[in-house]
Amino acid sequence: MNISKRFEYKYLISYLDYMKIIEVIKLTYNHDLHGELDAYNVTSIYLDDLVFSGASDKAFGNQFHKKYRVRYYNDIDLKKLELKEKTGDSSVKYSTDINSEVYQGILNQDLNILEKYFDDDLIRKFTLDMLKNLLAPTCYIKYQREAYNDETNNLRITFDHSLCGERYSEGNPEIDYKLIKDTTMILEIKYQNYLPRIVKDLLKIINPNQIAYSKYFMGYDSIGL
């Protein structure tokens, strides 16, 4: 299980804002490429309780909230189970690789499968939460991500666009319900220890609107879960 702690800030920006700052970011930071294209696919399946606590907590003003998801990138066969816990703008993400058996066990709430992998702390924790809170898959969230990192792994900057969602269903459904306009994207700035001065200056140039809600909440709110 991997654990990462950092501060996270989300902003809703226009493509014009993106064009104003992207060249400086490209010159300053390392482009996190997954393949030959500038952006890569991110697909998540969110798991929540009957009252959608994972989607609603932050949007409704609660300082602490958490959510579980299964995530994969360009390769659908390489999946992770993730738990994200946030207090204000500070977050902790727990992540572990899962195989196809665990993936099916999670989606089907199959205790017989999951208990075989209880040596993994995150799988064990998820299973206990699943039994206690009746966690089940709720929806898909999919988008394109363009990402940049600094040399010390302190800072990560991402631009997410083409954000779509869909209610969860078995199989591989088309995930094409648009959650934001084509002219809009989400800028995320994540850092562990400090926010570089150059990033502060770039934010001053575009003066973006910070948002408190997550992509999952946007899906919850738009799809009508």
Protein backbone atom coordinates (compact mmCIF):
# COMPACT_ATOMS: atom_id res chain seq x y z
CA MET A 1 0.00 0.00 0.00
CA ASN A 2 1.28 3.44 -0.93
CA ILE A 3 0.48 6.52 1.18
CA SER A 4 0.86 10.10 -0.02
CA LYS A 5 0.14 13.25 1.99
CA ARG A 6 -0.25 16.66 0.37
CA PHE A 7 -2.22 19.87 0.10
CA GLU A 8 -4.65 20.10 -2.80
CA TYR A 9 -6.33 23.05 -4.49
CA LYS A 10 -8.79 22.84 -7.38
CA TYR A 11 -9.70 25.62 -9.79
CA LEU A 12 -12.17 25.87 -12.64
CA ILE A 13 -10.41 27.62 -15.54
CA SER A 14 -11.01 28.39 -19.21
CA TYR A 15 -8.86 27.26 -22.13
CA LEU A 16 -7.75 30.88 -22.46
CA ASP A 17 -6.41 30.73 -18.90
CA TYR A 18 -4.67 27.47 -19.78
CA MET A 19 -2.97 29.06 -22.79
CA LYS A 20 -1.72 31.95 -20.64
CA ILE A 21 0.28 29.71 -18.30
CA ILE A 22 0.99 26.39 -20.00
CA GLU A 23 4.20 27.39 -21.79
CA VAL A 24 5.83 28.52 -18.53
CA ILE A 25 4.78 25.27 -16.85
CA LYS A 26 6.20 23.21 -19.73
CA LEU A 27 9.51 25.05 -19.49
CA THR A 28 9.71 24.76 -15.71
CA TYR A 29 8.40 21.29 -14.86
CA ASN A 30 8.56 17.71 -16.12
CA HIS A 31 5.71 16.51 -18.31
CA ASP A 32 4.23 13.29 -16.88
CA LEU A 33 3.60 11.39 -20.09
CA HIS A 34 1.69 8.09 -20.33
CA GLY A 35 2.23 7.28 -23.99
CA GLU A 36 2.86 9.63 -26.89
CA LEU A 37 0.04 12.13 -26.27
CA ASP A 38 0.14 15.17 -23.99
CA ALA A 39 -2.82 13.87 -21.97
CA TYR A 40 -3.85 10.42 -20.76
CA ASN A 41 -7.13 8.80 -19.77
CA VAL A 42 -8.22 8.60 -16.14
CA THR A 43 -11.22 6.43 -15.28
CA SER A 44 -12.60 5.96 -11.77
CA ILE A 45 -15.41 3.87 -10.33
CA TYR A 46 -16.60 5.41 -7.06
CA LEU A 47 -17.92 3.33 -4.18
CA ASP A 48 -20.30 4.90 -1.70
CA ASP A 49 -22.94 4.26 0.93
CA LEU A 50 -26.71 4.56 0.60
CA VAL A 51 -26.74 8.30 1.33
CA PHE A 52 -23.73 9.12 -0.88
CA SER A 53 -21.55 10.41 1.95
CA GLY A 54 -18.41 10.31 -0.21
CA ALA A 55 -19.95 12.64 -2.77
CA SER A 56 -21.70 15.06 -0.49
CA ASP A 57 -19.54 15.59 2.58
CA LYS A 58 -17.14 18.28 1.26
CA ALA A 59 -19.77 20.02 -0.84
CA PHE A 60 -22.05 20.29 2.19
CA GLY A 61 -19.37 21.93 4.30
CA ASN A 62 -17.96 19.05 6.37
CA GLN A 63 -14.23 19.56 6.96
CA PHE A 64 -13.39 15.84 7.03
CA HIS A 65 -14.55 13.50 4.32
CA LYS A 66 -13.37 10.38 2.54
CA LYS A 67 -14.14 8.38 -0.56
CA TYR A 68 -13.18 5.06 -2.12
CA ARG A 69 -12.61 4.46 -5.81
CA VAL A 70 -11.14 1.98 -8.25
CA ARG A 71 -8.95 3.81 -10.75
CA TYR A 72 -7.15 2.95 -13.96
CA TYR A 73 -5.39 4.93 -16.64
CA ASN A 74 -4.72 4.10 -20.28
CA ASP A 75 -4.40 0.38 -19.50
CA ILE A 76 -7.69 -1.01 -18.13
CA ASP A 77 -5.88 -4.10 -16.80
CA LEU A 78 -3.76 -2.06 -14.38
CA LYS A 79 -6.19 -1.05 -11.63
CA LYS A 80 -5.79 0.45 -8.18
CA LEU A 81 -8.02 0.63 -5.14
CA GLU A 82 -7.73 4.09 -3.58
CA LEU A 83 -8.98 5.76 -0.43
CA LYS A 84 -8.79 9.53 -0.24
CA GLU A 85 -9.24 11.31 3.08
CA LYS A 86 -9.36 15.11 3.25
CA THR A 87 -9.42 17.62 6.07
CA GLY A 88 -9.82 21.08 4.61
CA ASP A 89 -7.20 21.38 1.85
CA SER A 90 -4.97 18.67 3.32
CA SER A 91 -5.35 15.17 1.90
CA VAL A 92 -4.01 11.66 2.41
CA LYS A 93 -4.30 9.11 -0.39
CA TYR A 94 -3.94 5.37 0.19
CA SER A 95 -3.44 3.26 -2.91
CA THR A 96 -2.82 -0.39 -3.71
CA ASP A 97 -2.64 -2.38 -6.95
CA ILE A 98 -5.42 -4.92 -7.40
CA ASN A 99 -5.87 -7.89 -9.72
CA SER A 100 -8.98 -8.84 -11.66
CA GLU A 101 -10.24 -11.12 -8.86
CA VAL A 102 -10.10 -8.34 -6.25
CA TYR A 103 -11.67 -5.94 -8.74
CA GLN A 104 -14.66 -8.23 -9.16
CA GLY A 105 -14.81 -8.83 -5.43
CA ILE A 106 -15.03 -5.08 -4.82
CA LEU A 107 -17.72 -4.49 -7.43
CA ASN A 108 -19.80 -7.46 -6.26
CA GLN A 109 -19.20 -6.95 -2.51
CA ASP A 110 -17.87 -10.52 -2.39
CA LEU A 111 -16.46 -11.12 1.09
CA ASN A 112 -15.21 -14.61 0.16
CA ILE A 113 -12.86 -13.08 -2.40
CA LEU A 114 -11.80 -10.01 -0.46
CA GLU A 115 -10.91 -11.84 2.75
CA LYS A 116 -8.26 -13.80 0.82
CA TYR A 117 -6.36 -10.52 0.42
CA PHE A 118 -6.58 -9.24 3.99
CA ASP A 119 -2.78 -9.08 4.20
CA ASP A 120 -3.20 -5.82 2.27
CA ASP A 121 -4.14 -3.09 4.76
CA LEU A 122 -6.22 -1.07 2.31
CA ILE A 123 -8.23 -4.03 1.02
CA ARG A 124 -8.93 -5.06 4.61
CA LYS A 125 -9.97 -1.52 5.57
CA PHE A 126 -12.21 -1.21 2.52
CA THR A 127 -13.88 -4.52 3.29
CA LEU A 128 -14.66 -3.47 6.86
CA ASP A 129 -16.09 -0.16 5.61
CA MET A 130 -18.03 -2.02 2.93
CA LEU A 131 -19.68 -4.28 5.51
CA LYS A 132 -20.31 -1.46 7.98
CA ASN A 133 -21.62 1.15 5.51
CA LEU A 134 -22.92 -1.03 2.66
CA LEU A 135 -20.49 0.43 0.13
CA ALA A 136 -21.30 -0.29 -3.52
CA PRO A 137 -20.23 1.09 -6.91
CA THR A 138 -22.21 4.21 -7.81
CA CYS A 139 -20.78 5.85 -10.94
CA TYR A 140 -17.95 6.21 -13.43
CA ILE A 141 -15.97 9.43 -13.80
CA LYS A 142 -13.68 9.75 -16.82
CA TYR A 143 -11.48 12.55 -18.13
CA GLN A 144 -8.27 13.45 -19.91
CA ARG A 145 -5.34 14.58 -17.74
CA GLU A 146 -2.24 16.59 -18.62
CA ALA A 147 0.22 16.43 -15.72
CA TYR A 148 3.47 18.05 -14.63
CA ASN A 149 5.85 17.36 -11.71
CA ASP A 150 8.88 19.06 -10.23
CA GLU A 151 12.24 17.36 -9.74
CA THR A 152 11.80 16.74 -6.02
CA ASN A 153 8.28 15.27 -6.22
CA ASN A 154 7.02 18.11 -4.02
CA LEU A 155 4.70 19.60 -6.62
CA ARG A 156 2.19 18.20 -9.11
CA ILE A 157 0.12 20.32 -11.50
CA THR A 158 -2.68 18.75 -13.54
CA PHE A 159 -5.11 20.00 -16.16
CA ASP A 160 -8.24 17.83 -16.49
CA HIS A 161 -10.62 18.20 -19.43
CA SER A 162 -13.32 16.27 -21.28
CA LEU A 163 -14.85 15.35 -17.93
CA CYS A 164 -17.70 12.85 -18.27
CA GLY A 165 -19.71 10.64 -15.96
CA GLU A 166 -22.17 7.77 -16.03
CA ARG A 167 -24.12 5.72 -13.51
CA TYR A 168 -22.43 2.45 -12.64
CA SER A 169 -23.57 -0.61 -14.56
CA GLU A 170 -21.95 -3.96 -15.23
CA GLY A 171 -19.81 -4.28 -18.34
CA ASN A 172 -18.11 -1.41 -20.14
CA PRO A 173 -20.68 1.33 -20.72
CA GLU A 174 -20.15 4.44 -22.79
CA ILE A 175 -19.08 7.19 -20.40
CA ASP A 176 -20.14 10.27 -22.32
CA TYR A 177 -22.38 12.47 -20.15
CA LYS A 178 -20.48 15.76 -20.06
CA LEU A 179 -19.95 17.28 -16.61
CA ILE A 180 -18.24 20.51 -17.70
CA LYS A 181 -18.27 22.63 -20.84
CA ASP A 182 -15.81 21.90 -23.63
CA THR A 183 -14.28 25.34 -23.08
CA THR A 184 -13.55 24.61 -19.42
CA MET A 185 -11.05 22.49 -17.52
CA ILE A 186 -10.03 21.80 -13.94
CA LEU A 187 -6.62 22.90 -12.72
CA GLU A 188 -5.34 21.00 -9.68
CA ILE A 189 -2.27 22.05 -7.72
CA LYS A 190 -0.92 19.54 -5.22
CA TYR A 191 2.17 19.90 -3.05
CA GLN A 192 3.71 18.24 -0.02
CA ASN A 193 5.86 20.91 1.65
CA TYR A 194 5.65 24.28 -0.09
CA LEU A 195 4.06 26.04 -3.05
CA PRO A 196 6.74 27.50 -5.35
CA ARG A 197 6.72 31.24 -5.97
CA ILE A 198 6.43 30.74 -9.73
CA VAL A 199 3.14 28.85 -9.26
CA LYS A 200 1.80 31.64 -7.04
CA ASP A 201 2.69 34.15 -9.77
CA LEU A 202 0.96 32.07 -12.44
CA LEU A 203 -2.20 31.91 -10.34
CA LYS A 204 -2.13 35.70 -10.04
CA ILE A 205 -2.05 35.97 -13.85
CA ILE A 206 -5.29 34.04 -14.36
CA ASN A 207 -6.95 34.68 -10.96
CA PRO A 208 -8.91 31.40 -11.08
CA ASN A 209 -11.99 30.46 -9.09
CA GLN A 210 -11.16 27.87 -6.44
CA ILE A 211 -13.72 25.09 -6.08
CA ALA A 212 -14.35 22.95 -2.99
CA TYR A 213 -16.31 20.12 -4.63
CA SER A 214 -14.82 17.03 -6.24
CA LYS A 215 -15.27 15.49 -9.67
CA TYR A 216 -17.27 12.77 -7.98
CA PHE A 217 -19.64 15.37 -6.54
CA MET A 218 -20.02 16.88 -10.02
CA GLY A 219 -21.09 13.47 -11.28
CA TYR A 220 -23.38 12.92 -8.30
CA ASP A 221 -24.98 16.32 -8.86
CA SER A 222 -25.33 16.08 -12.65
CA ILE A 223 -26.18 12.43 -13.25
CA GLY A 224 -28.81 12.28 -10.51
CA LEU A 225 -27.58 9.31 -8.49
